[in-house]
Amino acid sequence: MWAYLARRAAGLVAVLFGMSLVTFAISHVIPADPAAAAAGLNAGQEQIEQIRREMGLDRPLVEQYLRYVTGILLRGDFGQSIMNQRPVLQDILTFLPASVELALVSLILCVPLGILLGTFTAVRAGRASDALTRLLAILGISMPVFLVALLLQLFLYKYLRWFPPGGRIAFAVGPPESITGLYLVDSALTGNWAAFWSALHHLGLPAITLAIANLAVITRMTRSAVLEILAQDYVRTARAKGLREPVVLVRHALKNALVPVVTVLGLQLASLIAYVFLVEVIFSWPGIGSYAVRAILGLDFQAIMGITLLFSTIYVVVNFLVDLTYLWLDPRISY
């Protein structure tokens, strides 16, 4: 087990090193000048060259990369943002909680519902409800996320007025006292229930959009896995022994069917990260996705590289946790 953990830790370091190298190389291949972007439109050549020297862009590429990696490893320094002249790490810590809260709420919506719908349709395979659920799942997979977001804005905001069009909290309420950066948690901890309900109300549309994007995949995967398990001999034996159907489903079928479902959940994280960019921009959500889009448009290479390393770390760590979950779901698996 410890040897496996050591190998995975080494793999994590290798992936992050590779991502830092690729991102650094791409940032220097793009035909754009970050020094000119930092200097502004009205800056002269002399001022641009001075900023280039201050940013260390006049030095050899190998030296620039080694300084960047050394700063991350020794000081946690991801460089300084061109947009606001603040440390990139400070910006990430400022914008990340909003994205984490949005992702967690969307997962709370889609994971239990997807497993429930998948199990329900597997039990009722071949019936009208199964066909309808599969049709909705296919529509959910085939529809682009931005289209889902715009349709939800059109119907749930413009016509029905159930949710606000965007933002994280109402201006009249204001954010709660910051403890974790998660508005729902902070407002609950401080007893600010007006902020809690306002934050939850504003979370509705973007969280539902992200949930729909992943719900269809989880439902289809759960249905296929449960159908395969229900055809196994030990399930028929459990039924022949007189066990009730809910016990057979939960204890014998669903737990064994969750192994491929958990694998899909880990893979869906990549989609969730990609969807965050679109959803946060459409709903004016002040998270790391909106920050990344502004960094890309502003040619803020330090911020772009910092965000890339952050998402790479999250993806690798989540997949590592998925592998460990297999041990609980299937005792036959051993590392």
C-alpha atoms as a PDB file:
ATOM      1  CA  MET A   1       0.000   0.000   0.000  1.00  0.00           C
ATOM      2  CA  TRP A   2       2.754   2.442   0.977  1.00  0.00           C
ATOM      3  CA  ALA A   3       4.679   1.602  -2.170  1.00  0.00           C
ATOM      4  CA  TYR A   4       1.570   2.383  -4.204  1.00  0.00           C
ATOM      5  CA  LEU A   5       1.125   5.729  -2.428  1.00  0.00           C
ATOM      6  CA  ALA A   6       4.769   6.568  -3.087  1.00  0.00           C
ATOM      7  CA  ARG A   7       4.385   5.742  -6.789  1.00  0.00           C
ATOM      8  CA  ARG A   8       1.257   7.877  -7.065  1.00  0.00           C
ATOM      9  CA  ALA A   9       2.963  10.776  -5.279  1.00  0.00           C
ATOM     10  CA  ALA A  10       5.880  10.525  -7.699  1.00  0.00           C
ATOM     11  CA  GLY A  11       3.399  10.449 -10.573  1.00  0.00           C
ATOM     12  CA  LEU A  12       1.722  13.588  -9.231  1.00  0.00           C
ATOM     13  CA  VAL A  13       5.040  15.419  -9.147  1.00  0.00           C
ATOM     14  CA  ALA A  14       5.856  14.244 -12.687  1.00  0.00           C
ATOM     15  CA  VAL A  15       2.475  15.382 -14.039  1.00  0.00           C
ATOM     16  CA  LEU A  16       2.763  18.810 -12.436  1.00  0.00           C
ATOM     17  CA  PHE A  17       6.323  19.183 -13.703  1.00  0.00           C
ATOM     18  CA  GLY A  18       5.186  18.269 -17.215  1.00  0.00           C
ATOM     19  CA  MET A  19       2.225  20.670 -17.051  1.00  0.00           C
ATOM     20  CA  SER A  20       4.439  23.514 -15.849  1.00  0.00           C
ATOM     21  CA  LEU A  21       6.899  22.837 -18.683  1.00  0.00           C
ATOM     22  CA  VAL A  22       4.190  22.634 -21.373  1.00  0.00           C
ATOM     23  CA  THR A  23       2.370  25.732 -20.122  1.00  0.00           C
ATOM     24  CA  PHE A  24       5.607  27.709 -19.878  1.00  0.00           C
ATOM     25  CA  ALA A  25       6.588  26.689 -23.406  1.00  0.00           C
ATOM     26  CA  ILE A  26       3.162  27.598 -24.845  1.00  0.00           C
ATOM     27  CA  SER A  27       3.193  30.977 -23.114  1.00  0.00           C
ATOM     28  CA  HIS A  28       6.450  31.807 -24.898  1.00  0.00           C
ATOM     29  CA  VAL A  29       5.357  30.436 -28.281  1.00  0.00           C
ATOM     30  CA  ILE A  30       2.235  32.625 -28.465  1.00  0.00           C
ATOM     31  CA  PRO A  31       2.998  35.754 -30.543  1.00  0.00           C
ATOM     32  CA  ALA A  32       2.247  38.196 -27.744  1.00  0.00           C
ATOM     33  CA  ASP A  33       4.352  40.361 -25.454  1.00  0.00           C
ATOM     34  CA  PRO A  34       3.364  40.253 -21.767  1.00  0.00           C
ATOM     35  CA  ALA A  35       5.643  43.219 -21.063  1.00  0.00           C
ATOM     36  CA  ALA A  36       3.732  45.327 -23.588  1.00  0.00           C
ATOM     37  CA  ALA A  37       0.450  44.138 -22.088  1.00  0.00           C
ATOM     38  CA  ALA A  38       1.636  45.131 -18.611  1.00  0.00           C
ATOM     39  CA  ALA A  39       2.876  48.519 -19.809  1.00  0.00           C
ATOM     40  CA  GLY A  40      -0.437  49.485 -21.430  1.00  0.00           C
ATOM     41  CA  LEU A  41      -1.449  50.860 -24.808  1.00  0.00           C
ATOM     42  CA  ASN A  42       0.255  54.250 -24.454  1.00  0.00           C
ATOM     43  CA  ALA A  43       3.626  52.966 -23.235  1.00  0.00           C
ATOM     44  CA  GLY A  44       6.774  53.669 -25.206  1.00  0.00           C
ATOM     45  CA  GLN A  45       9.415  51.171 -26.186  1.00  0.00           C
ATOM     46  CA  GLU A  46      11.715  52.306 -23.406  1.00  0.00           C
ATOM     47  CA  GLN A  47       9.070  51.682 -20.761  1.00  0.00           C
ATOM     48  CA  ILE A  48       8.252  48.279 -22.259  1.00  0.00           C
ATOM     49  CA  GLU A  49      11.911  47.253 -22.132  1.00  0.00           C
ATOM     50  CA  GLN A  50      12.165  48.360 -18.515  1.00  0.00           C
ATOM     51  CA  ILE A  51       9.140  46.276 -17.552  1.00  0.00           C
ATOM     52  CA  ARG A  52      10.575  43.333 -19.499  1.00  0.00           C
ATOM     53  CA  ARG A  53      13.766  43.551 -17.414  1.00  0.00           C
ATOM     54  CA  GLU A  54      11.753  43.825 -14.178  1.00  0.00           C
ATOM     55  CA  MET A  55       9.732  40.731 -15.121  1.00  0.00           C
ATOM     56  CA  GLY A  56      12.893  38.832 -16.047  1.00  0.00           C
ATOM     57  CA  LEU A  57      11.725  38.292 -19.629  1.00  0.00           C
ATOM     58  CA  ASP A  58      15.071  39.425 -21.041  1.00  0.00           C
ATOM     59  CA  ARG A  59      16.841  36.394 -19.563  1.00  0.00           C
ATOM     60  CA  PRO A  60      17.286  32.977 -21.251  1.00  0.00           C
ATOM     61  CA  LEU A  61      14.211  30.748 -21.300  1.00  0.00           C
ATOM     62  CA  VAL A  62      15.875  28.019 -19.237  1.00  0.00           C
ATOM     63  CA  GLU A  63      16.743  30.527 -16.522  1.00  0.00           C
ATOM     64  CA  GLN A  64      13.205  31.946 -16.580  1.00  0.00           C
ATOM     65  CA  TYR A  65      11.691  28.489 -16.184  1.00  0.00           C
ATOM     66  CA  LEU A  66      14.058  27.492 -13.364  1.00  0.00           C
ATOM     67  CA  ARG A  67      13.291  30.716 -11.508  1.00  0.00           C
ATOM     68  CA  TYR A  68       9.556  30.104 -11.937  1.00  0.00           C
ATOM     69  CA  VAL A  69       9.683  26.498 -10.684  1.00  0.00           C
ATOM     70  CA  THR A  70      12.032  27.378  -7.832  1.00  0.00           C
ATOM     71  CA  GLY A  71       9.720  30.170  -6.721  1.00  0.00           C
ATOM     72  CA  ILE A  72       6.754  27.766  -6.628  1.00  0.00           C
ATOM     73  CA  LEU A  73       8.596  25.004  -4.762  1.00  0.00           C
ATOM     74  CA  LEU A  74      10.425  27.163  -2.202  1.00  0.00           C
ATOM     75  CA  ARG A  75       8.084  30.106  -1.612  1.00  0.00           C
ATOM     76  CA  GLY A  76       4.745  29.185  -3.186  1.00  0.00           C
ATOM     77  CA  ASP A  77       5.283  32.130  -5.521  1.00  0.00           C
ATOM     78  CA  PHE A  78       3.336  31.819  -8.781  1.00  0.00           C
ATOM     79  CA  GLY A  79       4.439  35.242  -9.948  1.00  0.00           C
ATOM     80  CA  GLN A  80       2.605  38.544 -10.115  1.00  0.00           C
ATOM     81  CA  SER A  81      -0.554  39.155 -12.082  1.00  0.00           C
ATOM     82  CA  ILE A  82      -0.344  41.682 -14.894  1.00  0.00           C
ATOM     83  CA  MET A  83      -4.019  42.603 -14.530  1.00  0.00           C
ATOM     84  CA  ASN A  84      -3.980  43.866 -10.955  1.00  0.00           C
ATOM     85  CA  GLN A  85      -0.313  43.706  -9.881  1.00  0.00           C
ATOM     86  CA  ARG A  86      -1.125  41.248  -7.102  1.00  0.00           C
ATOM     87  CA  PRO A  87       0.452  37.835  -6.435  1.00  0.00           C
ATOM     88  CA  VAL A  88      -1.250  35.138  -8.501  1.00  0.00           C
ATOM     89  CA  LEU A  89      -1.558  32.896  -5.439  1.00  0.00           C
ATOM     90  CA  GLN A  90      -3.485  35.629  -3.632  1.00  0.00           C
ATOM     91  CA  ASP A  91      -5.865  35.949  -6.591  1.00  0.00           C
ATOM     92  CA  ILE A  92      -6.368  32.170  -6.712  1.00  0.00           C
ATOM     93  CA  LEU A  93      -7.187  32.056  -2.998  1.00  0.00           C
ATOM     94  CA  THR A  94      -9.634  34.932  -3.510  1.00  0.00           C
ATOM     95  CA  PHE A  95     -11.559  33.488  -6.472  1.00  0.00           C
ATOM     96  CA  LEU A  96     -11.278  29.734  -5.826  1.00  0.00           C
ATOM     97  CA  PRO A  97     -13.872  29.446  -2.984  1.00  0.00           C
ATOM     98  CA  ALA A  98     -16.674  30.668  -5.278  1.00  0.00           C
ATOM     99  CA  SER A  99     -15.860  27.966  -7.837  1.00  0.00           C
ATOM    100  CA  VAL A 100     -15.505  25.296  -5.135  1.00  0.00           C
ATOM    101  CA  GLU A 101     -18.917  26.193  -3.718  1.00  0.00           C
ATOM    102  CA  LEU A 102     -20.499  26.094  -7.176  1.00  0.00           C
ATOM    103  CA  ALA A 103     -18.901  22.733  -8.009  1.00  0.00           C
ATOM    104  CA  LEU A 104     -19.865  21.156  -4.676  1.00  0.00           C
ATOM    105  CA  VAL A 105     -23.512  22.212  -4.948  1.00  0.00           C
ATOM    106  CA  SER A 106     -23.719  20.933  -8.531  1.00  0.00           C
ATOM    107  CA  LEU A 107     -22.218  17.586  -7.472  1.00  0.00           C
ATOM    108  CA  ILE A 108     -24.686  17.345  -4.582  1.00  0.00           C
ATOM    109  CA  LEU A 109     -27.456  17.808  -7.136  1.00  0.00           C
ATOM    110  CA  CYS A 110     -26.252  15.486  -9.891  1.00  0.00           C
ATOM    111  CA  VAL A 111     -24.516  12.554  -8.149  1.00  0.00           C
ATOM    112  CA  PRO A 112     -27.347  11.253  -5.889  1.00  0.00           C
ATOM    113  CA  LEU A 113     -29.983  12.037  -8.522  1.00  0.00           C
ATOM    114  CA  GLY A 114     -27.959  10.393 -11.301  1.00  0.00           C
ATOM    115  CA  ILE A 115     -27.415   7.210  -9.273  1.00  0.00           C
ATOM    116  CA  LEU A 116     -31.101   7.154  -8.275  1.00  0.00           C
ATOM    117  CA  LEU A 117     -32.341   7.650 -11.848  1.00  0.00           C
ATOM    118  CA  GLY A 118     -29.863   5.120 -13.225  1.00  0.00           C
ATOM    119  CA  THR A 119     -30.926   2.493 -10.704  1.00  0.00           C
ATOM    120  CA  PHE A 120     -34.624   3.245 -11.280  1.00  0.00           C
ATOM    121  CA  THR A 121     -34.342   2.900 -15.046  1.00  0.00           C
ATOM    122  CA  ALA A 122     -32.300  -0.309 -14.708  1.00  0.00           C
ATOM    123  CA  VAL A 123     -34.992  -1.884 -12.540  1.00  0.00           C
ATOM    124  CA  ARG A 124     -37.689  -0.769 -14.986  1.00  0.00           C
ATOM    125  CA  ALA A 125     -35.690  -1.590 -18.130  1.00  0.00           C
ATOM    126  CA  GLY A 126     -37.799  -1.719 -21.265  1.00  0.00           C
ATOM    127  CA  ARG A 127     -40.705   0.278 -19.838  1.00  0.00           C
ATOM    128  CA  ALA A 128     -41.916   3.731 -20.817  1.00  0.00           C
ATOM    129  CA  SER A 129     -40.212   5.427 -17.860  1.00  0.00           C
ATOM    130  CA  ASP A 130     -36.909   3.829 -18.872  1.00  0.00           C
ATOM    131  CA  ALA A 131     -37.255   5.052 -22.456  1.00  0.00           C
ATOM    132  CA  LEU A 132     -38.173   8.575 -21.310  1.00  0.00           C
ATOM    133  CA  THR A 133     -35.227   8.792 -18.903  1.00  0.00           C
ATOM    134  CA  ARG A 134     -32.806   7.541 -21.576  1.00  0.00           C
ATOM    135  CA  LEU A 135     -34.175  10.116 -24.022  1.00  0.00           C
ATOM    136  CA  LEU A 136     -33.652  12.906 -21.499  1.00  0.00           C
ATOM    137  CA  ALA A 137     -30.137  11.606 -20.774  1.00  0.00           C
ATOM    138  CA  ILE A 138     -29.252  11.646 -24.477  1.00  0.00           C
ATOM    139  CA  LEU A 139     -30.557  15.216 -24.747  1.00  0.00           C
ATOM    140  CA  GLY A 140     -28.495  16.213 -21.717  1.00  0.00           C
ATOM    141  CA  ILE A 141     -25.328  14.739 -23.202  1.00  0.00           C
ATOM    142  CA  SER A 142     -25.852  16.205 -26.674  1.00  0.00           C
ATOM    143  CA  MET A 143     -26.802  19.766 -25.672  1.00  0.00           C
ATOM    144  CA  PRO A 144     -23.860  22.174 -25.273  1.00  0.00           C
ATOM    145  CA  VAL A 145     -23.445  23.635 -21.799  1.00  0.00           C
ATOM    146  CA  PHE A 146     -23.730  27.232 -22.961  1.00  0.00           C
ATOM    147  CA  LEU A 147     -27.056  26.429 -24.634  1.00  0.00           C
ATOM    148  CA  VAL A 148     -28.383  24.828 -21.449  1.00  0.00           C
ATOM    149  CA  ALA A 149     -27.279  27.893 -19.485  1.00  0.00           C
ATOM    150  CA  LEU A 150     -28.970  30.318 -21.878  1.00  0.00           C
ATOM    151  CA  LEU A 151     -32.203  28.276 -21.959  1.00  0.00           C
ATOM    152  CA  LEU A 152     -32.310  28.155 -18.157  1.00  0.00           C
ATOM    153  CA  GLN A 153     -31.775  31.900 -18.013  1.00  0.00           C
ATOM    154  CA  LEU A 154     -34.567  32.406 -20.532  1.00  0.00           C
ATOM    155  CA  PHE A 155     -37.186  30.228 -18.817  1.00  0.00           C
ATOM    156  CA  LEU A 156     -36.275  30.222 -15.117  1.00  0.00           C
ATOM    157  CA  TYR A 157     -35.308  33.901 -14.939  1.00  0.00           C
ATOM    158  CA  LYS A 158     -37.017  35.862 -17.705  1.00  0.00           C
ATOM    159  CA  TYR A 159     -40.343  34.009 -17.861  1.00  0.00           C
ATOM    160  CA  LEU A 160     -40.793  32.357 -14.452  1.00  0.00           C
ATOM    161  CA  ARG A 161     -38.648  34.701 -12.294  1.00  0.00           C
ATOM    162  CA  TRP A 162     -37.592  31.796 -10.079  1.00  0.00           C
ATOM    163  CA  PHE A 163     -33.889  32.655  -9.994  1.00  0.00           C
ATOM    164  CA  PRO A 164     -31.746  35.774 -10.495  1.00  0.00           C
ATOM    165  CA  PRO A 165     -29.848  35.984 -13.816  1.00  0.00           C
ATOM    166  CA  GLY A 166     -26.361  35.979 -12.299  1.00  0.00           C
ATOM    167  CA  GLY A 167     -24.076  37.111  -9.529  1.00  0.00           C
ATOM    168  CA  ARG A 168     -23.218  35.408  -6.263  1.00  0.00           C
ATOM    169  CA  ILE A 169     -25.382  37.317  -3.761  1.00  0.00           C
ATOM    170  CA  ALA A 170     -27.854  40.193  -3.778  1.00  0.00           C
ATOM    171  CA  PHE A 171     -26.343  43.679  -3.521  1.00  0.00           C
ATOM    172  CA  ALA A 172     -28.887  44.642  -0.856  1.00  0.00           C
ATOM    173  CA  VAL A 173     -27.778  41.736   1.347  1.00  0.00           C
ATOM    174  CA  GLY A 174     -24.027  41.747   0.839  1.00  0.00           C
ATOM    175  CA  PRO A 175     -21.564  38.912   1.495  1.00  0.00           C
ATOM    176  CA  PRO A 176     -21.321  37.324   4.967  1.00  0.00           C
ATOM    177  CA  GLU A 177     -18.290  37.604   7.207  1.00  0.00           C
ATOM    178  CA  SER A 178     -15.500  35.698   5.476  1.00  0.00           C
ATOM    179  CA  ILE A 179     -14.334  32.539   7.264  1.00  0.00           C
ATOM    180  CA  THR A 180     -13.962  29.886   4.573  1.00  0.00           C
ATOM    181  CA  GLY A 181     -14.873  31.942   1.496  1.00  0.00           C
ATOM    182  CA  LEU A 182     -17.919  29.714   0.913  1.00  0.00           C
ATOM    183  CA  TYR A 183     -20.939  31.970   1.314  1.00  0.00           C
ATOM    184  CA  LEU A 184     -23.315  29.183   2.370  1.00  0.00           C
ATOM    185  CA  VAL A 185     -20.931  27.920   5.043  1.00  0.00           C
ATOM    186  CA  ASP A 186     -19.896  31.376   6.266  1.00  0.00           C
ATOM    187  CA  SER A 187     -23.462  32.668   6.509  1.00  0.00           C
ATOM    188  CA  ALA A 188     -24.531  29.527   8.397  1.00  0.00           C
ATOM    189  CA  LEU A 189     -21.597  29.782  10.804  1.00  0.00           C
ATOM    190  CA  THR A 190     -22.303  33.456  11.525  1.00  0.00           C
ATOM    191  CA  GLY A 191     -26.083  33.055  11.642  1.00  0.00           C
ATOM    192  CA  ASN A 192     -26.599  35.423   8.709  1.00  0.00           C
ATOM    193  CA  TRP A 193     -29.604  33.642   7.241  1.00  0.00           C
ATOM    194  CA  ALA A 194     -30.509  36.469   4.882  1.00  0.00           C
ATOM    195  CA  ALA A 195     -27.121  36.026   3.202  1.00  0.00           C
ATOM    196  CA  PHE A 196     -27.543  32.230   3.266  1.00  0.00           C
ATOM    197  CA  TRP A 197     -30.842  32.226   1.377  1.00  0.00           C
ATOM    198  CA  SER A 198     -29.649  34.915  -1.025  1.00  0.00           C
ATOM    199  CA  ALA A 199     -26.452  32.963  -1.805  1.00  0.00           C
ATOM    200  CA  LEU A 200     -28.435  29.742  -2.237  1.00  0.00           C
ATOM    201  CA  HIS A 201     -30.892  31.536  -4.541  1.00  0.00           C
ATOM    202  CA  HIS A 202     -28.067  32.856  -6.718  1.00  0.00           C
ATOM    203  CA  LEU A 203     -26.435  29.410  -6.805  1.00  0.00           C
ATOM    204  CA  GLY A 204     -29.539  27.888  -8.394  1.00  0.00           C
ATOM    205  CA  LEU A 205     -29.074  28.556 -12.104  1.00  0.00           C
ATOM    206  CA  PRO A 206     -25.309  27.936 -12.432  1.00  0.00           C
ATOM    207  CA  ALA A 207     -25.429  24.857 -10.187  1.00  0.00           C
ATOM    208  CA  ILE A 208     -28.351  23.364 -12.117  1.00  0.00           C
ATOM    209  CA  THR A 209     -26.515  24.018 -15.388  1.00  0.00           C
ATOM    210  CA  LEU A 210     -23.408  22.172 -14.197  1.00  0.00           C
ATOM    211  CA  ALA A 211     -25.540  19.399 -12.711  1.00  0.00           C
ATOM    212  CA  ILE A 212     -27.401  18.804 -16.005  1.00  0.00           C
ATOM    213  CA  ALA A 213     -24.088  18.560 -17.843  1.00  0.00           C
ATOM    214  CA  ASN A 214     -22.990  15.666 -15.592  1.00  0.00           C
ATOM    215  CA  LEU A 215     -26.344  14.145 -14.644  1.00  0.00           C
ATOM    216  CA  ALA A 216     -26.905  12.508 -18.028  1.00  0.00           C
ATOM    217  CA  VAL A 217     -23.529  10.742 -18.023  1.00  0.00           C
ATOM    218  CA  ILE A 218     -23.926   9.479 -14.432  1.00  0.00           C
ATOM    219  CA  THR A 219     -27.463   8.232 -15.130  1.00  0.00           C
ATOM    220  CA  ARG A 220     -26.481   6.284 -18.253  1.00  0.00           C
ATOM    221  CA  MET A 221     -23.398   4.775 -16.606  1.00  0.00           C
ATOM    222  CA  THR A 222     -25.319   3.759 -13.476  1.00  0.00           C
ATOM    223  CA  ARG A 223     -28.076   2.159 -15.560  1.00  0.00           C
ATOM    224  CA  SER A 224     -25.600   0.083 -17.563  1.00  0.00           C
ATOM    225  CA  ALA A 225     -23.666  -1.018 -14.474  1.00  0.00           C
ATOM    226  CA  VAL A 226     -26.780  -1.950 -12.465  1.00  0.00           C
ATOM    227  CA  LEU A 227     -28.254  -3.866 -15.410  1.00  0.00           C
ATOM    228  CA  GLU A 228     -25.055  -5.898 -15.688  1.00  0.00           C
ATOM    229  CA  ILE A 229     -24.995  -6.644 -11.949  1.00  0.00           C
ATOM    230  CA  LEU A 230     -28.679  -7.626 -11.822  1.00  0.00           C
ATOM    231  CA  ALA A 231     -27.942 -10.402 -14.328  1.00  0.00           C
ATOM    232  CA  GLN A 232     -25.310 -11.986 -12.056  1.00  0.00           C
ATOM    233  CA  ASP A 233     -25.909 -15.316 -10.314  1.00  0.00           C
ATOM    234  CA  TYR A 234     -25.437 -13.987  -6.770  1.00  0.00           C
ATOM    235  CA  VAL A 235     -28.260 -11.473  -7.293  1.00  0.00           C
ATOM    236  CA  ARG A 236     -30.604 -14.228  -8.436  1.00  0.00           C
ATOM    237  CA  THR A 237     -29.513 -16.274  -5.414  1.00  0.00           C
ATOM    238  CA  ALA A 238     -30.278 -13.368  -3.083  1.00  0.00           C
ATOM    239  CA  ARG A 239     -33.738 -13.077  -4.567  1.00  0.00           C
ATOM    240  CA  ALA A 240     -34.281 -16.839  -4.332  1.00  0.00           C
ATOM    241  CA  LYS A 241     -33.414 -16.692  -0.608  1.00  0.00           C
ATOM    242  CA  GLY A 242     -36.375 -14.349  -0.150  1.00  0.00           C
ATOM    243  CA  LEU A 243     -34.539 -11.070   0.410  1.00  0.00           C
ATOM    244  CA  ARG A 244     -36.624  -7.989  -0.231  1.00  0.00           C
ATOM    245  CA  GLU A 245     -35.966  -6.163  -3.509  1.00  0.00           C
ATOM    246  CA  PRO A 246     -34.661  -2.940  -1.859  1.00  0.00           C
ATOM    247  CA  VAL A 247     -32.124  -5.016   0.095  1.00  0.00           C
ATOM    248  CA  VAL A 248     -31.036  -6.827  -3.064  1.00  0.00           C
ATOM    249  CA  LEU A 249     -30.640  -3.543  -4.935  1.00  0.00           C
ATOM    250  CA  VAL A 250     -28.747  -1.605  -2.254  1.00  0.00           C
ATOM    251  CA  ARG A 251     -26.646  -4.308  -0.601  1.00  0.00           C
ATOM    252  CA  HIS A 252     -25.908  -6.644  -3.510  1.00  0.00           C
ATOM    253  CA  ALA A 253     -26.382  -4.711  -6.750  1.00  0.00           C
ATOM    254  CA  LEU A 254     -25.761  -1.000  -6.264  1.00  0.00           C
ATOM    255  CA  LYS A 255     -22.540  -1.204  -4.252  1.00  0.00           C
ATOM    256  CA  ASN A 256     -20.907  -3.478  -6.833  1.00  0.00           C
ATOM    257  CA  ALA A 257     -22.225  -1.307  -9.652  1.00  0.00           C
ATOM    258  CA  LEU A 258     -20.638   1.811  -8.153  1.00  0.00           C
ATOM    259  CA  VAL A 259     -17.076   0.863  -9.184  1.00  0.00           C
ATOM    260  CA  PRO A 260     -17.482   1.941 -12.849  1.00  0.00           C
ATOM    261  CA  VAL A 261     -19.715   4.838 -11.753  1.00  0.00           C
ATOM    262  CA  VAL A 262     -16.995   6.199  -9.457  1.00  0.00           C
ATOM    263  CA  THR A 263     -14.537   5.908 -12.345  1.00  0.00           C
ATOM    264  CA  VAL A 264     -16.830   8.026 -14.507  1.00  0.00           C
ATOM    265  CA  LEU A 265     -17.210  10.564 -11.698  1.00  0.00           C
ATOM    266  CA  GLY A 266     -13.447  11.007 -11.596  1.00  0.00           C
ATOM    267  CA  LEU A 267     -13.298  11.461 -15.360  1.00  0.00           C
ATOM    268  CA  GLN A 268     -16.219  13.896 -15.286  1.00  0.00           C
ATOM    269  CA  LEU A 269     -14.110  16.250 -13.206  1.00  0.00           C
ATOM    270  CA  ALA A 270     -12.285  17.259 -16.382  1.00  0.00           C
ATOM    271  CA  SER A 271     -15.625  18.178 -17.948  1.00  0.00           C
ATOM    272  CA  LEU A 272     -16.635  20.040 -14.801  1.00  0.00           C
ATOM    273  CA  ILE A 273     -13.456  22.130 -14.928  1.00  0.00           C
ATOM    274  CA  ALA A 274     -14.078  22.952 -18.594  1.00  0.00           C
ATOM    275  CA  TYR A 275     -17.745  23.795 -17.978  1.00  0.00           C
ATOM    276  CA  VAL A 276     -16.856  26.145 -15.117  1.00  0.00           C
ATOM    277  CA  PHE A 277     -15.291  28.603 -17.572  1.00  0.00           C
ATOM    278  CA  LEU A 278     -18.485  28.928 -19.615  1.00  0.00           C
ATOM    279  CA  VAL A 279     -20.944  28.836 -16.728  1.00  0.00           C
ATOM    280  CA  GLU A 280     -19.137  31.446 -14.652  1.00  0.00           C
ATOM    281  CA  VAL A 281     -18.905  33.859 -17.558  1.00  0.00           C
ATOM    282  CA  ILE A 282     -22.576  33.422 -18.547  1.00  0.00           C
ATOM    283  CA  PHE A 283     -23.863  33.840 -14.991  1.00  0.00           C
ATOM    284  CA  SER A 284     -21.326  36.523 -13.943  1.00  0.00           C
ATOM    285  CA  TRP A 285     -20.050  34.201 -11.225  1.00  0.00           C
ATOM    286  CA  PRO A 286     -16.897  35.640  -9.568  1.00  0.00           C
ATOM    287  CA  GLY A 287     -14.940  32.402  -9.516  1.00  0.00           C
ATOM    288  CA  ILE A 288     -11.670  31.032 -10.809  1.00  0.00           C
ATOM    289  CA  GLY A 289     -13.181  30.398 -14.266  1.00  0.00           C
ATOM    290  CA  SER A 290     -14.056  34.072 -14.766  1.00  0.00           C
ATOM    291  CA  TYR A 291     -10.614  35.010 -13.472  1.00  0.00           C
ATOM    292  CA  ALA A 292      -9.007  32.609 -15.956  1.00  0.00           C
ATOM    293  CA  VAL A 293     -10.973  34.075 -18.879  1.00  0.00           C
ATOM    294  CA  ARG A 294      -9.881  37.598 -17.936  1.00  0.00           C
ATOM    295  CA  ALA A 295      -6.288  36.390 -17.639  1.00  0.00           C
ATOM    296  CA  ILE A 296      -6.432  34.825 -21.120  1.00  0.00           C
ATOM    297  CA  LEU A 297      -7.929  37.954 -22.677  1.00  0.00           C
ATOM    298  CA  GLY A 298      -5.372  40.134 -20.879  1.00  0.00           C
ATOM    299  CA  LEU A 299      -2.397  37.922 -21.814  1.00  0.00           C
ATOM    300  CA  ASP A 300      -1.640  37.469 -18.125  1.00  0.00           C
ATOM    301  CA  PHE A 301       0.723  34.514 -18.539  1.00  0.00           C
ATOM    302  CA  GLN A 302       1.624  34.211 -14.859  1.00  0.00           C
ATOM    303  CA  ALA A 303      -2.043  33.880 -13.909  1.00  0.00           C
ATOM    304  CA  ILE A 304      -2.695  31.421 -16.760  1.00  0.00           C
ATOM    305  CA  MET A 305       0.170  29.174 -15.690  1.00  0.00           C
ATOM    306  CA  GLY A 306      -0.916  29.316 -12.041  1.00  0.00           C
ATOM    307  CA  ILE A 307      -4.500  28.345 -12.897  1.00  0.00           C
ATOM    308  CA  THR A 308      -3.304  25.529 -15.177  1.00  0.00           C
ATOM    309  CA  LEU A 309      -1.180  24.042 -12.404  1.00  0.00           C
ATOM    310  CA  LEU A 310      -4.078  24.401  -9.960  1.00  0.00           C
ATOM    311  CA  PHE A 311      -6.523  22.514 -12.203  1.00  0.00           C
ATOM    312  CA  SER A 312      -3.902  19.870 -12.979  1.00  0.00           C
ATOM    313  CA  THR A 313      -3.332  19.295  -9.266  1.00  0.00           C
ATOM    314  CA  ILE A 314      -7.060  19.022  -8.567  1.00  0.00           C
ATOM    315  CA  TYR A 315      -7.579  16.542 -11.392  1.00  0.00           C
ATOM    316  CA  VAL A 316      -4.685  14.280 -10.381  1.00  0.00           C
ATOM    317  CA  VAL A 317      -5.600  14.337  -6.671  1.00  0.00           C
ATOM    318  CA  VAL A 318      -9.268  13.522  -7.364  1.00  0.00           C
ATOM    319  CA  ASN A 319      -8.317  10.576  -9.568  1.00  0.00           C
ATOM    320  CA  PHE A 320      -6.014   9.359  -6.793  1.00  0.00           C
ATOM    321  CA  LEU A 321      -8.929   9.543  -4.323  1.00  0.00           C
ATOM    322  CA  VAL A 322     -11.092   7.639  -6.819  1.00  0.00           C
ATOM    323  CA  ASP A 323      -8.516   4.830  -6.864  1.00  0.00           C
ATOM    324  CA  LEU A 324      -8.593   4.663  -3.067  1.00  0.00           C
ATOM    325  CA  THR A 325     -12.410   4.515  -3.136  1.00  0.00           C
ATOM    326  CA  TYR A 326     -12.154   1.231  -5.045  1.00  0.00           C
ATOM    327  CA  LEU A 327     -10.730  -0.376  -1.893  1.00  0.00           C
ATOM    328  CA  TRP A 328     -13.941   0.380  -0.006  1.00  0.00           C
ATOM    329  CA  LEU A 329     -16.285  -0.591  -2.827  1.00  0.00           C
ATOM    330  CA  ASP A 330     -14.558  -3.840  -3.798  1.00  0.00           C
ATOM    331  CA  PRO A 331     -12.489  -5.682  -1.134  1.00  0.00           C
ATOM    332  CA  ARG A 332     -10.981  -7.870  -3.873  1.00  0.00           C
ATOM    333  CA  ILE A 333      -8.963  -4.890  -5.094  1.00  0.00           C
ATOM    334  CA  SER A 334      -5.584  -4.531  -3.412  1.00  0.00           C
ATOM    335  CA  TYR A 335      -2.766  -2.063  -3.916  1.00  0.00           C
END
